[in-house]
Amino acid sequence: MDNDEIWYVYIIECRDKKLYVGIAKDVERRVALHNKGRACRFTKYRYPVRLLYAETCLGVNSAMKRERQLKGFSRKKKVELFNF
């Protein structure tokens, strides 16, 4: 794992309005996988999804740490990230 690679933390909204937080090196590719039902169990039956927010992180460890932080946020606090 290279700690100076660019990774992204992202938030997508599923068709049932639930929010999902994840990490990826290529957000567009990952969202496309979510929309094919092939990215994760959570979104498998909730697609289509749409990207609401993406944040750059330096290294996978930093991205995973931020992902854990965002997953702990309330829905309201997550929405505040992209509705300011």
N, C-alpha and C. Protein backbone atom coordinates (compact mmCIF):
# COMPACT_ATOMS: atom_id res chain seq x y z
N MET A 1 0.83 -1.19 0.00
CA MET A 1 0.00 0.00 0.00
C MET A 1 0.88 1.24 0.00
N ASP A 2 0.69 2.03 -1.00
CA ASP A 2 1.47 3.24 -1.15
C ASP A 2 0.75 4.40 -0.48
N ASN A 3 1.39 5.00 0.50
CA ASN A 3 0.73 6.05 1.29
C ASN A 3 0.67 7.41 0.60
N ASP A 4 1.29 7.56 -0.57
CA ASP A 4 1.18 8.85 -1.25
C ASP A 4 0.29 8.77 -2.49
N GLU A 5 -0.46 7.71 -2.63
CA GLU A 5 -1.42 7.59 -3.72
C GLU A 5 -2.68 8.38 -3.37
N ILE A 6 -3.34 8.88 -4.39
CA ILE A 6 -4.60 9.60 -4.20
C ILE A 6 -5.74 8.59 -4.11
N TRP A 7 -6.50 8.68 -3.05
CA TRP A 7 -7.71 7.90 -2.84
C TRP A 7 -8.85 8.86 -2.57
N TYR A 8 -10.05 8.38 -2.68
CA TYR A 8 -11.22 9.22 -2.46
C TYR A 8 -12.18 8.56 -1.48
N VAL A 9 -12.79 9.39 -0.66
CA VAL A 9 -13.92 8.98 0.17
C VAL A 9 -15.13 9.56 -0.54
N TYR A 10 -16.17 8.77 -0.69
CA TYR A 10 -17.33 9.26 -1.42
C TYR A 10 -18.62 8.90 -0.70
N ILE A 11 -19.66 9.66 -0.99
CA ILE A 11 -21.00 9.40 -0.47
C ILE A 11 -21.93 9.31 -1.67
N ILE A 12 -22.68 8.22 -1.72
CA ILE A 12 -23.68 8.06 -2.76
C ILE A 12 -25.05 7.93 -2.10
N GLU A 13 -26.06 8.28 -2.88
CA GLU A 13 -27.43 8.11 -2.42
C GLU A 13 -28.08 7.02 -3.25
N CYS A 14 -28.69 6.06 -2.58
CA CYS A 14 -29.36 4.95 -3.25
C CYS A 14 -30.78 5.36 -3.62
N ARG A 15 -31.43 4.54 -4.42
CA ARG A 15 -32.80 4.87 -4.86
C ARG A 15 -33.77 4.98 -3.70
N ASP A 16 -33.49 4.29 -2.57
CA ASP A 16 -34.36 4.38 -1.40
C ASP A 16 -33.95 5.53 -0.46
N LYS A 17 -33.08 6.40 -0.96
CA LYS A 17 -32.61 7.61 -0.25
C LYS A 17 -31.61 7.31 0.88
N LYS A 18 -31.20 6.06 1.03
CA LYS A 18 -30.17 5.75 2.02
C LYS A 18 -28.83 6.22 1.49
N LEU A 19 -27.96 6.66 2.40
CA LEU A 19 -26.63 7.11 2.03
C LEU A 19 -25.62 6.01 2.29
N TYR A 20 -24.63 5.90 1.41
CA TYR A 20 -23.56 4.93 1.55
C TYR A 20 -22.23 5.67 1.45
N VAL A 21 -21.31 5.36 2.35
CA VAL A 21 -19.98 5.96 2.35
C VAL A 21 -18.98 4.88 1.99
N GLY A 22 -18.08 5.19 1.07
CA GLY A 22 -17.06 4.23 0.66
C GLY A 22 -15.78 4.92 0.25
N ILE A 23 -14.79 4.12 -0.12
CA ILE A 23 -13.52 4.65 -0.62
C ILE A 23 -13.21 4.00 -1.95
N ALA A 24 -12.43 4.70 -2.76
CA ALA A 24 -12.03 4.17 -4.06
C ALA A 24 -10.88 4.99 -4.61
N LYS A 25 -10.12 4.36 -5.50
CA LYS A 25 -9.09 5.10 -6.25
C LYS A 25 -9.71 5.80 -7.44
N ASP A 26 -10.74 5.20 -8.01
CA ASP A 26 -11.43 5.74 -9.17
C ASP A 26 -12.93 5.78 -8.85
N VAL A 27 -13.40 6.94 -8.44
CA VAL A 27 -14.78 7.09 -7.97
C VAL A 27 -15.79 6.81 -9.08
N GLU A 28 -15.54 7.32 -10.27
CA GLU A 28 -16.48 7.10 -11.37
C GLU A 28 -16.65 5.61 -11.67
N ARG A 29 -15.55 4.89 -11.68
CA ARG A 29 -15.60 3.44 -11.92
C ARG A 29 -16.36 2.74 -10.80
N ARG A 30 -16.10 3.15 -9.58
CA ARG A 30 -16.75 2.53 -8.42
C ARG A 30 -18.26 2.78 -8.43
N VAL A 31 -18.67 4.00 -8.76
CA VAL A 31 -20.10 4.32 -8.84
C VAL A 31 -20.75 3.49 -9.95
N ALA A 32 -20.05 3.33 -11.06
CA ALA A 32 -20.57 2.49 -12.14
C ALA A 32 -20.78 1.05 -11.66
N LEU A 33 -19.85 0.53 -10.86
CA LEU A 33 -20.01 -0.82 -10.29
C LEU A 33 -21.21 -0.88 -9.36
N HIS A 34 -21.39 0.16 -8.55
CA HIS A 34 -22.57 0.21 -7.68
C HIS A 34 -23.84 0.15 -8.53
N ASN A 35 -23.84 0.86 -9.64
CA ASN A 35 -25.01 0.92 -10.50
C ASN A 35 -25.25 -0.36 -11.29
N LYS A 36 -24.30 -1.26 -11.28
CA LYS A 36 -24.48 -2.58 -11.89
C LYS A 36 -24.81 -3.63 -10.83
N GLY A 37 -24.86 -3.20 -9.56
CA GLY A 37 -25.13 -4.13 -8.47
C GLY A 37 -23.95 -5.01 -8.13
N ARG A 38 -22.73 -4.55 -8.45
CA ARG A 38 -21.55 -5.37 -8.27
C ARG A 38 -20.50 -4.79 -7.33
N ALA A 39 -20.83 -3.74 -6.61
CA ALA A 39 -19.82 -3.10 -5.78
C ALA A 39 -19.83 -3.59 -4.34
N CYS A 40 -21.01 -3.74 -3.75
CA CYS A 40 -21.09 -4.18 -2.36
C CYS A 40 -22.51 -4.66 -2.07
N ARG A 41 -22.63 -5.37 -0.99
CA ARG A 41 -23.94 -5.91 -0.60
C ARG A 41 -24.97 -4.82 -0.30
N PHE A 42 -24.53 -3.74 0.32
CA PHE A 42 -25.45 -2.68 0.72
C PHE A 42 -26.19 -2.08 -0.47
N THR A 43 -25.47 -1.85 -1.56
CA THR A 43 -26.09 -1.20 -2.72
C THR A 43 -26.60 -2.18 -3.78
N LYS A 44 -26.36 -3.47 -3.59
CA LYS A 44 -26.70 -4.46 -4.61
C LYS A 44 -28.15 -4.38 -5.06
N TYR A 45 -29.07 -4.18 -4.14
CA TYR A 45 -30.49 -4.10 -4.49
C TYR A 45 -31.06 -2.71 -4.32
N ARG A 46 -30.19 -1.73 -4.17
CA ARG A 46 -30.63 -0.35 -3.96
C ARG A 46 -30.24 0.57 -5.12
N TYR A 47 -29.71 0.03 -6.19
CA TYR A 47 -29.33 0.89 -7.29
C TYR A 47 -30.54 1.20 -8.15
N PRO A 48 -30.55 2.29 -8.90
CA PRO A 48 -29.39 3.13 -9.20
C PRO A 48 -29.01 4.03 -8.03
N VAL A 49 -27.74 4.40 -8.04
CA VAL A 49 -27.20 5.31 -7.03
C VAL A 49 -26.71 6.56 -7.75
N ARG A 50 -26.54 7.62 -6.97
CA ARG A 50 -25.94 8.82 -7.56
C ARG A 50 -24.91 9.38 -6.59
N LEU A 51 -23.82 9.84 -7.16
CA LEU A 51 -22.73 10.40 -6.38
C LEU A 51 -23.13 11.77 -5.86
N LEU A 52 -22.98 11.96 -4.55
CA LEU A 52 -23.31 13.24 -3.93
C LEU A 52 -22.08 14.00 -3.48
N TYR A 53 -21.01 13.27 -3.14
CA TYR A 53 -19.86 13.91 -2.51
C TYR A 53 -18.62 13.05 -2.71
N ALA A 54 -17.50 13.69 -2.95
CA ALA A 54 -16.21 12.99 -3.01
C ALA A 54 -15.14 13.90 -2.41
N GLU A 55 -14.24 13.29 -1.69
CA GLU A 55 -13.19 14.02 -0.98
C GLU A 55 -11.86 13.31 -1.23
N THR A 56 -10.84 14.06 -1.54
CA THR A 56 -9.51 13.50 -1.82
C THR A 56 -8.77 13.20 -0.52
N CYS A 57 -8.09 12.05 -0.50
CA CYS A 57 -7.26 11.67 0.64
C CYS A 57 -5.90 11.22 0.10
N LEU A 58 -4.88 11.42 0.89
CA LEU A 58 -3.54 10.99 0.50
C LEU A 58 -3.25 9.64 1.14
N GLY A 59 -3.38 8.58 0.37
CA GLY A 59 -3.10 7.23 0.85
C GLY A 59 -4.36 6.51 1.31
N VAL A 60 -4.31 5.20 1.19
CA VAL A 60 -5.46 4.36 1.54
C VAL A 60 -5.75 4.42 3.04
N ASN A 61 -4.72 4.50 3.86
CA ASN A 61 -4.95 4.55 5.31
C ASN A 61 -5.71 5.81 5.71
N SER A 62 -5.35 6.92 5.10
CA SER A 62 -6.05 8.18 5.37
C SER A 62 -7.50 8.09 4.90
N ALA A 63 -7.71 7.48 3.75
CA ALA A 63 -9.07 7.32 3.21
C ALA A 63 -9.92 6.44 4.12
N MET A 64 -9.35 5.35 4.60
CA MET A 64 -10.10 4.45 5.49
C MET A 64 -10.43 5.13 6.81
N LYS A 65 -9.51 5.93 7.31
CA LYS A 65 -9.76 6.65 8.56
C LYS A 65 -10.90 7.66 8.38
N ARG A 66 -10.86 8.39 7.28
CA ARG A 66 -11.92 9.38 7.01
C ARG A 66 -13.26 8.68 6.75
N GLU A 67 -13.22 7.53 6.07
CA GLU A 67 -14.45 6.76 5.82
C GLU A 67 -15.11 6.36 7.15
N ARG A 68 -14.32 5.86 8.08
CA ARG A 68 -14.86 5.49 9.40
C ARG A 68 -15.48 6.69 10.09
N GLN A 69 -14.80 7.83 9.96
CA GLN A 69 -15.31 9.06 10.58
C GLN A 69 -16.66 9.44 9.96
N LEU A 70 -16.75 9.45 8.64
CA LEU A 70 -17.99 9.83 7.96
C LEU A 70 -19.11 8.84 8.24
N LYS A 71 -18.79 7.57 8.34
CA LYS A 71 -19.82 6.57 8.63
C LYS A 71 -20.43 6.80 10.01
N GLY A 72 -19.68 7.43 10.90
CA GLY A 72 -20.18 7.74 12.23
C GLY A 72 -21.05 8.99 12.28
N PHE A 73 -21.06 9.76 11.21
CA PHE A 73 -21.86 10.98 11.16
C PHE A 73 -23.34 10.63 11.04
N SER A 74 -24.18 11.48 11.55
CA SER A 74 -25.62 11.36 11.32
C SER A 74 -25.91 11.68 9.86
N ARG A 75 -27.08 11.32 9.40
CA ARG A 75 -27.47 11.66 8.03
C ARG A 75 -27.41 13.17 7.83
N LYS A 76 -27.91 13.92 8.81
CA LYS A 76 -27.92 15.38 8.73
C LYS A 76 -26.51 15.93 8.54
N LYS A 77 -25.57 15.42 9.30
CA LYS A 77 -24.19 15.90 9.22
C LYS A 77 -23.56 15.53 7.87
N LYS A 78 -23.89 14.33 7.35
CA LYS A 78 -23.39 13.94 6.03
C LYS A 78 -23.93 14.88 4.96
N VAL A 79 -25.23 15.16 5.03
CA VAL A 79 -25.87 16.04 4.05
C VAL A 79 -25.25 17.44 4.10
N GLU A 80 -24.87 17.89 5.28
CA GLU A 80 -24.25 19.21 5.42
C GLU A 80 -22.92 19.31 4.64
N LEU A 81 -22.25 18.17 4.41
CA LEU A 81 -21.00 18.18 3.66
C LEU A 81 -21.21 18.64 2.22
N PHE A 82 -22.32 18.25 1.63
CA PHE A 82 -22.53 18.59 0.22
C PHE A 82 -23.67 19.57 -0.02
N ASN A 83 -24.32 20.02 1.03
CA ASN A 83 -25.38 21.04 0.92
C ASN A 83 -25.05 22.26 1.76
N PHE A 84 -23.93 22.88 1.48
CA PHE A 84 -23.56 24.07 2.27
C PHE A 84 -23.90 25.32 1.54
